[in-house]
Structures are given as C-alpha cells and as structure tokens.
N, C-alpha and C. Protein backbone atom coordinates (compact mmCIF):
# COMPACT_ATOMS: atom_id res chain seq x y z
N MET A 1 0.83 -1.19 0.00
CA MET A 1 0.00 0.00 0.00
C MET A 1 0.87 1.25 0.00
N THR A 2 0.49 2.22 -0.78
CA THR A 2 1.25 3.45 -0.91
C THR A 2 1.05 4.33 0.31
N GLN A 3 2.13 4.92 0.77
CA GLN A 3 2.08 5.85 1.89
C GLN A 3 1.40 7.15 1.44
N ILE A 4 0.44 7.65 2.23
CA ILE A 4 -0.24 8.90 1.92
C ILE A 4 0.60 10.03 2.51
N PRO A 5 1.10 10.94 1.67
CA PRO A 5 1.85 12.07 2.22
C PRO A 5 0.93 12.99 3.02
N THR A 6 1.43 13.47 4.15
CA THR A 6 0.65 14.38 4.98
C THR A 6 1.44 15.66 5.22
N VAL A 7 0.70 16.68 5.56
CA VAL A 7 1.29 17.96 5.94
C VAL A 7 0.54 18.42 7.19
N THR A 8 1.26 19.00 8.15
CA THR A 8 0.61 19.46 9.37
C THR A 8 0.07 20.87 9.17
N VAL A 9 -0.90 21.22 9.99
CA VAL A 9 -1.49 22.56 9.92
C VAL A 9 -0.40 23.62 10.05
N SER A 10 0.56 23.41 10.95
CA SER A 10 1.61 24.43 11.16
C SER A 10 2.52 24.59 9.95
N ASP A 11 2.53 23.59 9.05
CA ASP A 11 3.36 23.68 7.85
C ASP A 11 2.67 24.40 6.69
N VAL A 12 1.39 24.74 6.86
CA VAL A 12 0.63 25.39 5.79
C VAL A 12 0.36 26.82 6.22
N HIS A 13 0.78 27.80 5.39
CA HIS A 13 0.55 29.18 5.80
C HIS A 13 -0.93 29.54 5.71
N ASP A 14 -1.34 30.55 6.46
CA ASP A 14 -2.75 30.90 6.63
C ASP A 14 -3.52 31.08 5.33
N HIS A 15 -2.86 31.59 4.31
CA HIS A 15 -3.57 31.91 3.06
C HIS A 15 -3.10 31.04 1.89
N ALA A 16 -2.60 29.85 2.22
CA ALA A 16 -2.22 28.90 1.17
C ALA A 16 -3.48 28.43 0.45
N THR A 17 -3.33 28.06 -0.80
CA THR A 17 -4.45 27.47 -1.52
C THR A 17 -4.57 26.02 -1.08
N ILE A 18 -5.74 25.67 -0.61
CA ILE A 18 -6.03 24.32 -0.11
C ILE A 18 -7.18 23.77 -0.92
N LEU A 19 -7.15 22.49 -1.21
CA LEU A 19 -8.26 21.82 -1.86
C LEU A 19 -9.14 21.21 -0.77
N ASP A 20 -10.40 21.65 -0.72
CA ASP A 20 -11.36 21.20 0.28
C ASP A 20 -12.34 20.25 -0.41
N VAL A 21 -12.38 18.98 0.03
CA VAL A 21 -13.22 17.97 -0.63
C VAL A 21 -14.49 17.64 0.16
N ARG A 22 -14.86 18.51 1.09
CA ARG A 22 -16.08 18.28 1.88
C ARG A 22 -17.33 18.58 1.05
N GLU A 23 -18.47 18.23 1.61
CA GLU A 23 -19.76 18.46 0.96
C GLU A 23 -20.13 19.94 1.03
N PRO A 24 -21.04 20.39 0.15
CA PRO A 24 -21.40 21.82 0.09
C PRO A 24 -21.85 22.43 1.42
N ASP A 25 -22.62 21.69 2.24
CA ASP A 25 -23.07 22.26 3.50
C ASP A 25 -21.92 22.45 4.48
N GLU A 26 -20.95 21.53 4.45
CA GLU A 26 -19.77 21.66 5.31
C GLU A 26 -18.93 22.86 4.87
N TRP A 27 -18.75 23.01 3.56
CA TRP A 27 -18.00 24.13 2.99
C TRP A 27 -18.65 25.45 3.38
N ALA A 28 -19.97 25.55 3.21
CA ALA A 28 -20.69 26.79 3.48
C ALA A 28 -20.56 27.22 4.94
N ALA A 29 -20.51 26.24 5.85
CA ALA A 29 -20.41 26.54 7.29
C ALA A 29 -19.08 27.15 7.66
N GLY A 30 -18.00 26.74 6.99
CA GLY A 30 -16.68 27.29 7.30
C GLY A 30 -15.58 26.62 6.51
N HIS A 31 -14.74 27.46 5.89
CA HIS A 31 -13.62 26.94 5.09
C HIS A 31 -12.45 27.91 5.17
N ALA A 32 -11.29 27.42 4.78
CA ALA A 32 -10.11 28.27 4.76
C ALA A 32 -10.25 29.33 3.67
N PRO A 33 -9.85 30.57 3.94
CA PRO A 33 -9.92 31.60 2.91
C PRO A 33 -9.08 31.20 1.70
N GLY A 34 -9.63 31.40 0.52
CA GLY A 34 -8.90 31.09 -0.70
C GLY A 34 -8.86 29.62 -1.08
N ALA A 35 -9.52 28.77 -0.29
CA ALA A 35 -9.55 27.34 -0.60
C ALA A 35 -10.36 27.11 -1.87
N VAL A 36 -10.06 26.00 -2.54
CA VAL A 36 -10.81 25.57 -3.71
C VAL A 36 -11.72 24.44 -3.27
N HIS A 37 -13.02 24.56 -3.57
CA HIS A 37 -13.98 23.56 -3.12
C HIS A 37 -14.36 22.64 -4.27
N ILE A 38 -13.99 21.37 -4.15
CA ILE A 38 -14.42 20.34 -5.08
C ILE A 38 -14.80 19.12 -4.23
N PRO A 39 -16.10 18.87 -4.05
CA PRO A 39 -16.49 17.71 -3.25
C PRO A 39 -15.84 16.43 -3.78
N LEU A 40 -15.52 15.52 -2.89
CA LEU A 40 -14.80 14.29 -3.24
C LEU A 40 -15.44 13.58 -4.43
N GLY A 41 -16.76 13.45 -4.43
CA GLY A 41 -17.44 12.74 -5.51
C GLY A 41 -17.34 13.43 -6.87
N ASP A 42 -17.07 14.73 -6.86
CA ASP A 42 -16.96 15.50 -8.11
C ASP A 42 -15.53 15.56 -8.65
N LEU A 43 -14.58 15.12 -7.85
CA LEU A 43 -13.17 15.29 -8.19
C LEU A 43 -12.78 14.72 -9.56
N PRO A 44 -13.16 13.48 -9.90
CA PRO A 44 -12.74 12.95 -11.21
C PRO A 44 -13.18 13.81 -12.39
N ALA A 45 -14.35 14.43 -12.29
CA ALA A 45 -14.87 15.24 -13.39
C ALA A 45 -14.34 16.67 -13.38
N ARG A 46 -13.67 17.06 -12.29
CA ARG A 46 -13.26 18.46 -12.16
C ARG A 46 -11.76 18.64 -12.00
N LEU A 47 -10.96 17.73 -12.56
CA LEU A 47 -9.51 17.86 -12.45
C LEU A 47 -9.02 19.18 -13.02
N ALA A 48 -9.68 19.69 -14.05
CA ALA A 48 -9.27 20.96 -14.67
C ALA A 48 -9.45 22.14 -13.71
N ASP A 49 -10.27 21.97 -12.67
CA ASP A 49 -10.51 23.04 -11.70
C ASP A 49 -9.49 23.08 -10.57
N LEU A 50 -8.59 22.10 -10.54
CA LEU A 50 -7.58 22.08 -9.49
C LEU A 50 -6.62 23.25 -9.65
N PRO A 51 -6.20 23.83 -8.52
CA PRO A 51 -5.24 24.94 -8.61
C PRO A 51 -3.89 24.46 -9.13
N ASP A 52 -3.16 25.37 -9.73
CA ASP A 52 -1.82 25.08 -10.25
C ASP A 52 -0.91 24.73 -9.08
N THR A 53 -0.21 23.62 -9.17
CA THR A 53 0.66 23.20 -8.07
C THR A 53 2.14 23.45 -8.38
N ASP A 54 2.43 24.33 -9.34
CA ASP A 54 3.83 24.64 -9.63
C ASP A 54 4.53 25.24 -8.42
N ALA A 55 3.77 25.86 -7.53
CA ALA A 55 4.35 26.50 -6.35
C ALA A 55 4.68 25.49 -5.25
N GLY A 56 4.34 24.23 -5.46
CA GLY A 56 4.63 23.22 -4.45
C GLY A 56 3.45 22.30 -4.23
N THR A 57 3.52 21.54 -3.17
CA THR A 57 2.51 20.53 -2.87
C THR A 57 1.18 21.19 -2.49
N LEU A 58 0.10 20.65 -3.02
CA LEU A 58 -1.24 21.13 -2.71
C LEU A 58 -1.77 20.36 -1.51
N ALA A 59 -2.15 21.07 -0.45
CA ALA A 59 -2.75 20.44 0.72
C ALA A 59 -4.22 20.16 0.42
N VAL A 60 -4.68 18.97 0.80
CA VAL A 60 -6.06 18.54 0.58
C VAL A 60 -6.69 18.31 1.95
N THR A 61 -7.91 18.85 2.14
CA THR A 61 -8.55 18.73 3.45
C THR A 61 -10.00 18.31 3.35
N CYS A 62 -10.49 17.74 4.44
CA CYS A 62 -11.91 17.47 4.65
C CYS A 62 -12.17 17.83 6.11
N ARG A 63 -13.11 17.20 6.76
CA ARG A 63 -13.39 17.54 8.16
C ARG A 63 -12.28 17.02 9.08
N GLY A 64 -11.93 15.73 8.95
CA GLY A 64 -10.96 15.14 9.86
C GLY A 64 -9.81 14.41 9.21
N GLY A 65 -9.86 14.20 7.90
CA GLY A 65 -8.75 13.58 7.20
C GLY A 65 -9.06 12.32 6.43
N GLY A 66 -10.23 11.72 6.62
CA GLY A 66 -10.56 10.47 5.93
C GLY A 66 -10.81 10.64 4.45
N ARG A 67 -11.73 11.52 4.10
CA ARG A 67 -12.04 11.73 2.68
C ARG A 67 -10.85 12.33 1.94
N SER A 68 -10.15 13.26 2.60
CA SER A 68 -9.01 13.88 1.92
C SER A 68 -7.88 12.88 1.70
N SER A 69 -7.72 11.89 2.57
CA SER A 69 -6.68 10.89 2.33
C SER A 69 -7.02 10.05 1.10
N ARG A 70 -8.33 9.76 0.90
CA ARG A 70 -8.73 9.04 -0.31
C ARG A 70 -8.49 9.91 -1.55
N ALA A 71 -8.78 11.21 -1.43
CA ALA A 71 -8.55 12.13 -2.55
C ALA A 71 -7.06 12.21 -2.89
N VAL A 72 -6.23 12.28 -1.87
CA VAL A 72 -4.78 12.36 -2.09
C VAL A 72 -4.27 11.10 -2.78
N ALA A 73 -4.72 9.93 -2.32
CA ALA A 73 -4.28 8.68 -2.94
C ALA A 73 -4.65 8.66 -4.41
N TRP A 74 -5.87 9.06 -4.74
CA TRP A 74 -6.33 9.05 -6.12
C TRP A 74 -5.60 10.11 -6.95
N LEU A 75 -5.45 11.31 -6.41
CA LEU A 75 -4.77 12.39 -7.15
C LEU A 75 -3.30 12.05 -7.41
N GLN A 76 -2.67 11.37 -6.46
CA GLN A 76 -1.28 10.93 -6.68
C GLN A 76 -1.21 10.00 -7.89
N GLN A 77 -2.17 9.11 -8.01
CA GLN A 77 -2.20 8.19 -9.15
C GLN A 77 -2.38 8.94 -10.46
N GLN A 78 -2.98 10.13 -10.40
CA GLN A 78 -3.17 10.95 -11.60
C GLN A 78 -1.96 11.86 -11.86
N GLY A 79 -0.95 11.79 -10.98
CA GLY A 79 0.28 12.55 -11.18
C GLY A 79 0.34 13.89 -10.47
N PHE A 80 -0.59 14.17 -9.56
CA PHE A 80 -0.59 15.44 -8.84
C PHE A 80 0.30 15.40 -7.61
N ASP A 81 0.90 16.56 -7.28
CA ASP A 81 1.72 16.73 -6.09
C ASP A 81 0.81 17.21 -4.97
N VAL A 82 0.33 16.29 -4.14
CA VAL A 82 -0.66 16.58 -3.11
C VAL A 82 -0.26 15.95 -1.78
N ALA A 83 -0.82 16.48 -0.70
CA ALA A 83 -0.61 15.91 0.64
C ALA A 83 -1.87 16.11 1.46
N ASN A 84 -2.15 15.17 2.33
CA ASN A 84 -3.32 15.23 3.20
C ASN A 84 -3.04 16.17 4.37
N LEU A 85 -3.95 17.11 4.61
CA LEU A 85 -3.82 18.00 5.76
C LEU A 85 -4.16 17.21 7.02
N ASP A 86 -3.17 16.95 7.84
CA ASP A 86 -3.32 16.12 9.04
C ASP A 86 -4.35 16.73 9.99
N GLY A 87 -5.41 15.97 10.25
CA GLY A 87 -6.45 16.44 11.16
C GLY A 87 -7.55 17.24 10.49
N GLY A 88 -7.39 17.56 9.23
CA GLY A 88 -8.41 18.25 8.46
C GLY A 88 -8.77 19.63 8.99
N MET A 89 -9.98 20.05 8.65
CA MET A 89 -10.45 21.38 9.05
C MET A 89 -10.64 21.48 10.56
N LYS A 90 -10.89 20.35 11.23
CA LYS A 90 -10.99 20.40 12.70
C LYS A 90 -9.65 20.86 13.28
N ALA A 91 -8.55 20.32 12.77
CA ALA A 91 -7.22 20.71 13.26
C ALA A 91 -6.89 22.14 12.84
N TRP A 92 -7.26 22.52 11.61
CA TRP A 92 -7.03 23.88 11.10
C TRP A 92 -7.69 24.90 12.04
N HIS A 93 -8.97 24.67 12.34
CA HIS A 93 -9.73 25.57 13.20
C HIS A 93 -9.19 25.57 14.62
N ALA A 94 -8.86 24.38 15.15
CA ALA A 94 -8.34 24.27 16.52
C ALA A 94 -7.01 25.00 16.68
N ALA A 95 -6.25 25.10 15.58
CA ALA A 95 -4.96 25.78 15.63
C ALA A 95 -5.10 27.30 15.51
N GLY A 96 -6.35 27.77 15.39
CA GLY A 96 -6.57 29.21 15.29
C GLY A 96 -6.37 29.78 13.90
N LYS A 97 -6.31 28.90 12.91
CA LYS A 97 -6.16 29.36 11.53
C LYS A 97 -7.47 30.00 11.07
N PRO A 98 -7.40 30.92 10.11
CA PRO A 98 -8.61 31.62 9.69
C PRO A 98 -9.58 30.72 8.94
N ILE A 99 -10.87 30.91 9.23
CA ILE A 99 -11.93 30.27 8.43
C ILE A 99 -13.00 31.31 8.16
N GLU A 100 -13.73 31.11 7.08
CA GLU A 100 -14.82 32.01 6.73
C GLU A 100 -16.02 31.19 6.30
N ALA A 101 -17.20 31.80 6.45
CA ALA A 101 -18.45 31.12 6.08
C ALA A 101 -19.08 31.83 4.90
N ASP A 102 -19.72 31.07 4.02
CA ASP A 102 -20.40 31.67 2.86
C ASP A 102 -21.57 32.53 3.28
N SER A 103 -22.22 32.17 4.35
CA SER A 103 -23.46 32.85 4.75
C SER A 103 -23.22 34.18 5.43
N GLY A 104 -21.98 34.47 5.79
CA GLY A 104 -21.71 35.68 6.53
C GLY A 104 -21.90 35.50 8.04
N SER A 105 -22.38 34.32 8.44
CA SER A 105 -22.56 34.05 9.87
C SER A 105 -21.22 33.58 10.46
N GLU A 106 -21.23 33.29 11.74
CA GLU A 106 -20.02 32.83 12.43
C GLU A 106 -19.55 31.52 11.79
N PRO A 107 -18.31 31.47 11.26
CA PRO A 107 -17.85 30.23 10.64
C PRO A 107 -17.64 29.12 11.65
N SER A 108 -17.90 27.90 11.21
CA SER A 108 -17.69 26.73 12.06
C SER A 108 -17.30 25.56 11.18
N VAL A 109 -16.78 24.51 11.81
CA VAL A 109 -16.44 23.27 11.11
C VAL A 109 -17.47 22.23 11.53
N ILE A 110 -18.25 21.77 10.56
CA ILE A 110 -19.28 20.76 10.86
C ILE A 110 -18.94 19.45 10.18
C-alpha cells in the first residue's frame, strides 16, 4: 500500500491554496480563505478546476482527514503533487487558523 503524504497545519501558511473535498453544507459553514472547493465525488470530473501546483505541494482537506486521504491517494495516481492536511479542518480551526463562512454568519467546522 502506498504511503499517503501528509502535511501538518503548522506547515501550511494561513492563506495557502487548499483543496477542500467536503460536501457543500460543510464548505458553506466554514472553510479556509482562498480554498478551492471540489467535493470528493466531483473530483474525477473536475480535475481541470484544481489549482496550479507549480508553487509546491497542494494540501487537501476534509473535516478530519478520511475523505481527503482518499482524494490524495487518487490524485497521486493521476500525477498530482498533493498531501493530506493532518487532522483536516478540525485541526485547522483548533490551531486558530482563519476560516470564513459563505453565509456571513459565524464560521464553524461541521
């Protein structure tokens, strides 16, 4: 089995481009500023929407790390330079990193 590369929250700067593979309601409740939202199930059809990774490894996140680890494994097979954000958005939020909500209400991780 292939090792899934991971990156810790402290290794990702506050305004890095992150790929968020959570569902639309989770995204709307709270996400990292500047993140790209492509739900896990939509990923195969939306590879063209992935951010340019010439600047380095793209961090991939979900709520806690399960879905994003599956996304990372699949994206690696497609030749992308990606890593799973260890602990997902729960860890991002717990570390005091910025999050924003689409609704304008208090952002949260659900």
